[in-house]
Amino acid sequence: MKTTELRQKNKDELQTELVALLKAQFSLRMQHATQQLSNTSQIGKVRRDIARVRTLIREKAVQ
């Protein structure tokens, strides 16, 4: 997910995106724990996306 795409969203859309990413992260962690996850790099990608969304939410709150 690119930052330019996220910057176009409003605060409510970013919140829903954050919830979806947190659910995806939980799912990936469970798959990893049960040895069902073949591509473990997805976990890191989702973590970075969560950080991007949280950063943008914070930026919009400060402005």
N, C-alpha and C. Protein backbone atom coordinates (compact mmCIF):
# COMPACT_ATOMS: atom_id res chain seq x y z
N MET A 1 0.83 -1.16 0.00
CA MET A 1 0.00 0.00 0.00
C MET A 1 0.89 1.24 0.00
N LYS A 2 0.59 2.15 -0.88
CA LYS A 2 1.42 3.34 -1.02
C LYS A 2 0.90 4.46 -0.14
N THR A 3 1.81 5.31 0.28
CA THR A 3 1.46 6.42 1.15
C THR A 3 0.59 7.42 0.41
N THR A 4 0.81 7.59 -0.89
CA THR A 4 0.00 8.55 -1.64
C THR A 4 -1.46 8.13 -1.67
N GLU A 5 -1.71 6.82 -1.74
CA GLU A 5 -3.09 6.33 -1.70
C GLU A 5 -3.71 6.60 -0.34
N LEU A 6 -2.93 6.42 0.70
CA LEU A 6 -3.45 6.61 2.05
C LEU A 6 -3.70 8.07 2.37
N ARG A 7 -2.89 8.96 1.84
CA ARG A 7 -3.06 10.39 2.11
C ARG A 7 -4.36 10.94 1.54
N GLN A 8 -4.92 10.28 0.54
CA GLN A 8 -6.16 10.73 -0.07
C GLN A 8 -7.38 10.35 0.76
N LYS A 9 -7.21 9.46 1.73
CA LYS A 9 -8.33 9.00 2.55
C LYS A 9 -8.51 9.93 3.75
N ASN A 10 -9.77 9.98 4.23
CA ASN A 10 -10.03 10.79 5.41
C ASN A 10 -9.78 9.95 6.67
N LYS A 11 -10.00 10.57 7.82
CA LYS A 11 -9.64 9.91 9.08
C LYS A 11 -10.46 8.65 9.33
N ASP A 12 -11.75 8.68 8.99
CA ASP A 12 -12.60 7.49 9.20
C ASP A 12 -12.17 6.33 8.31
N GLU A 13 -11.83 6.63 7.07
CA GLU A 13 -11.37 5.58 6.16
C GLU A 13 -10.04 4.99 6.63
N LEU A 14 -9.18 5.84 7.19
CA LEU A 14 -7.92 5.34 7.72
C LEU A 14 -8.15 4.44 8.93
N GLN A 15 -9.13 4.78 9.75
CA GLN A 15 -9.44 3.94 10.91
C GLN A 15 -9.93 2.57 10.47
N THR A 16 -10.80 2.52 9.46
CA THR A 16 -11.29 1.23 8.98
C THR A 16 -10.16 0.42 8.34
N GLU A 17 -9.26 1.12 7.66
CA GLU A 17 -8.09 0.45 7.06
C GLU A 17 -7.20 -0.13 8.16
N LEU A 18 -7.04 0.61 9.25
CA LEU A 18 -6.22 0.14 10.36
C LEU A 18 -6.84 -1.11 10.99
N VAL A 19 -8.13 -1.11 11.18
CA VAL A 19 -8.80 -2.28 11.76
C VAL A 19 -8.61 -3.50 10.86
N ALA A 20 -8.75 -3.30 9.55
CA ALA A 20 -8.58 -4.41 8.61
C ALA A 20 -7.15 -4.94 8.65
N LEU A 21 -6.19 -4.04 8.75
CA LEU A 21 -4.79 -4.48 8.79
C LEU A 21 -4.47 -5.21 10.09
N LEU A 22 -5.05 -4.76 11.20
CA LEU A 22 -4.82 -5.45 12.47
C LEU A 22 -5.42 -6.85 12.45
N LYS A 23 -6.58 -7.00 11.80
CA LYS A 23 -7.18 -8.33 11.67
C LYS A 23 -6.32 -9.23 10.79
N ALA A 24 -5.79 -8.64 9.71
CA ALA A 24 -4.91 -9.40 8.83
C ALA A 24 -3.64 -9.82 9.55
N GLN A 25 -3.10 -8.94 10.38
CA GLN A 25 -1.91 -9.27 11.15
C GLN A 25 -2.18 -10.42 12.11
N PHE A 26 -3.32 -10.38 12.77
CA PHE A 26 -3.67 -11.45 13.69
C PHE A 26 -3.80 -12.78 12.95
N SER A 27 -4.45 -12.74 11.80
CA SER A 27 -4.62 -13.95 11.01
C SER A 27 -3.27 -14.52 10.57
N LEU A 28 -2.38 -13.64 10.14
CA LEU A 28 -1.05 -14.10 9.71
C LEU A 28 -0.26 -14.68 10.89
N ARG A 29 -0.39 -14.07 12.06
CA ARG A 29 0.30 -14.61 13.23
C ARG A 29 -0.22 -15.99 13.59
N MET A 30 -1.53 -16.19 13.49
CA MET A 30 -2.10 -17.50 13.80
C MET A 30 -1.66 -18.55 12.77
N GLN A 31 -1.62 -18.16 11.50
CA GLN A 31 -1.16 -19.07 10.47
C GLN A 31 0.30 -19.44 10.70
N HIS A 32 1.10 -18.45 11.10
CA HIS A 32 2.52 -18.71 11.37
C HIS A 32 2.68 -19.66 12.56
N ALA A 33 1.87 -19.48 13.58
CA ALA A 33 1.97 -20.31 14.77
C ALA A 33 1.56 -21.76 14.50
N THR A 34 0.65 -21.95 13.56
CA THR A 34 0.18 -23.30 13.25
C THR A 34 0.89 -23.89 12.03
N GLN A 35 1.99 -23.26 11.63
CA GLN A 35 2.82 -23.75 10.51
C GLN A 35 2.07 -23.78 9.18
N GLN A 36 1.09 -22.90 8.99
CA GLN A 36 0.34 -22.86 7.74
C GLN A 36 0.76 -21.72 6.82
N LEU A 37 1.62 -20.85 7.29
CA LEU A 37 2.03 -19.69 6.52
C LEU A 37 3.29 -20.02 5.73
N SER A 38 3.19 -19.92 4.41
CA SER A 38 4.35 -20.26 3.59
C SER A 38 5.22 -19.04 3.32
N ASN A 39 4.62 -17.85 3.19
CA ASN A 39 5.38 -16.64 2.90
C ASN A 39 5.40 -15.76 4.16
N THR A 40 6.42 -15.92 4.97
CA THR A 40 6.48 -15.20 6.24
C THR A 40 6.79 -13.72 6.07
N SER A 41 7.21 -13.29 4.91
CA SER A 41 7.50 -11.87 4.71
C SER A 41 6.22 -11.03 4.72
N GLN A 42 5.07 -11.66 4.58
CA GLN A 42 3.81 -10.93 4.63
C GLN A 42 3.60 -10.27 5.98
N ILE A 43 4.09 -10.90 7.04
CA ILE A 43 3.92 -10.34 8.38
C ILE A 43 4.60 -8.98 8.48
N GLY A 44 5.81 -8.88 7.97
CA GLY A 44 6.54 -7.62 8.00
C GLY A 44 5.89 -6.54 7.15
N LYS A 45 5.34 -6.95 6.00
CA LYS A 45 4.67 -5.98 5.13
C LYS A 45 3.44 -5.40 5.81
N VAL A 46 2.68 -6.26 6.48
CA VAL A 46 1.48 -5.79 7.17
C VAL A 46 1.87 -4.88 8.33
N ARG A 47 2.93 -5.21 9.04
CA ARG A 47 3.39 -4.36 10.14
C ARG A 47 3.78 -2.97 9.65
N ARG A 48 4.46 -2.91 8.50
CA ARG A 48 4.84 -1.61 7.95
C ARG A 48 3.61 -0.82 7.49
N ASP A 49 2.62 -1.52 6.91
CA ASP A 49 1.39 -0.84 6.51
C ASP A 49 0.65 -0.28 7.72
N ILE A 50 0.64 -1.04 8.81
CA ILE A 50 0.00 -0.56 10.04
C ILE A 50 0.72 0.70 10.53
N ALA A 51 2.02 0.70 10.49
CA ALA A 51 2.79 1.87 10.92
C ALA A 51 2.51 3.07 10.04
N ARG A 52 2.38 2.84 8.73
CA ARG A 52 2.07 3.94 7.82
C ARG A 52 0.72 4.55 8.15
N VAL A 53 -0.28 3.70 8.35
CA VAL A 53 -1.63 4.19 8.62
C VAL A 53 -1.65 4.93 9.96
N ARG A 54 -1.02 4.39 10.97
CA ARG A 54 -1.00 5.06 12.28
C ARG A 54 -0.29 6.40 12.20
N THR A 55 0.76 6.48 11.40
CA THR A 55 1.47 7.75 11.22
C THR A 55 0.58 8.79 10.57
N LEU A 56 -0.15 8.39 9.55
CA LEU A 56 -1.03 9.33 8.86
C LEU A 56 -2.19 9.76 9.74
N ILE A 57 -2.71 8.84 10.55
CA ILE A 57 -3.79 9.21 11.48
C ILE A 57 -3.27 10.26 12.45
N ARG A 58 -2.06 10.06 12.94
CA ARG A 58 -1.45 11.01 13.87
C ARG A 58 -1.21 12.37 13.19
N GLU A 59 -0.74 12.34 11.96
CA GLU A 59 -0.51 13.59 11.23
C GLU A 59 -1.81 14.37 11.07
N LYS A 60 -2.89 13.68 10.73
CA LYS A 60 -4.16 14.36 10.54
C LYS A 60 -4.72 14.88 11.87
N ALA A 61 -4.43 14.22 12.96
CA ALA A 61 -4.90 14.67 14.27
C ALA A 61 -4.15 15.93 14.71
N VAL A 62 -2.89 16.04 14.37
CA VAL A 62 -2.09 17.19 14.78
C VAL A 62 -2.44 18.44 13.97
N GLN A 63 -2.80 18.26 12.73
CA GLN A 63 -3.09 19.40 11.85
C GLN A 63 -4.31 20.14 12.24
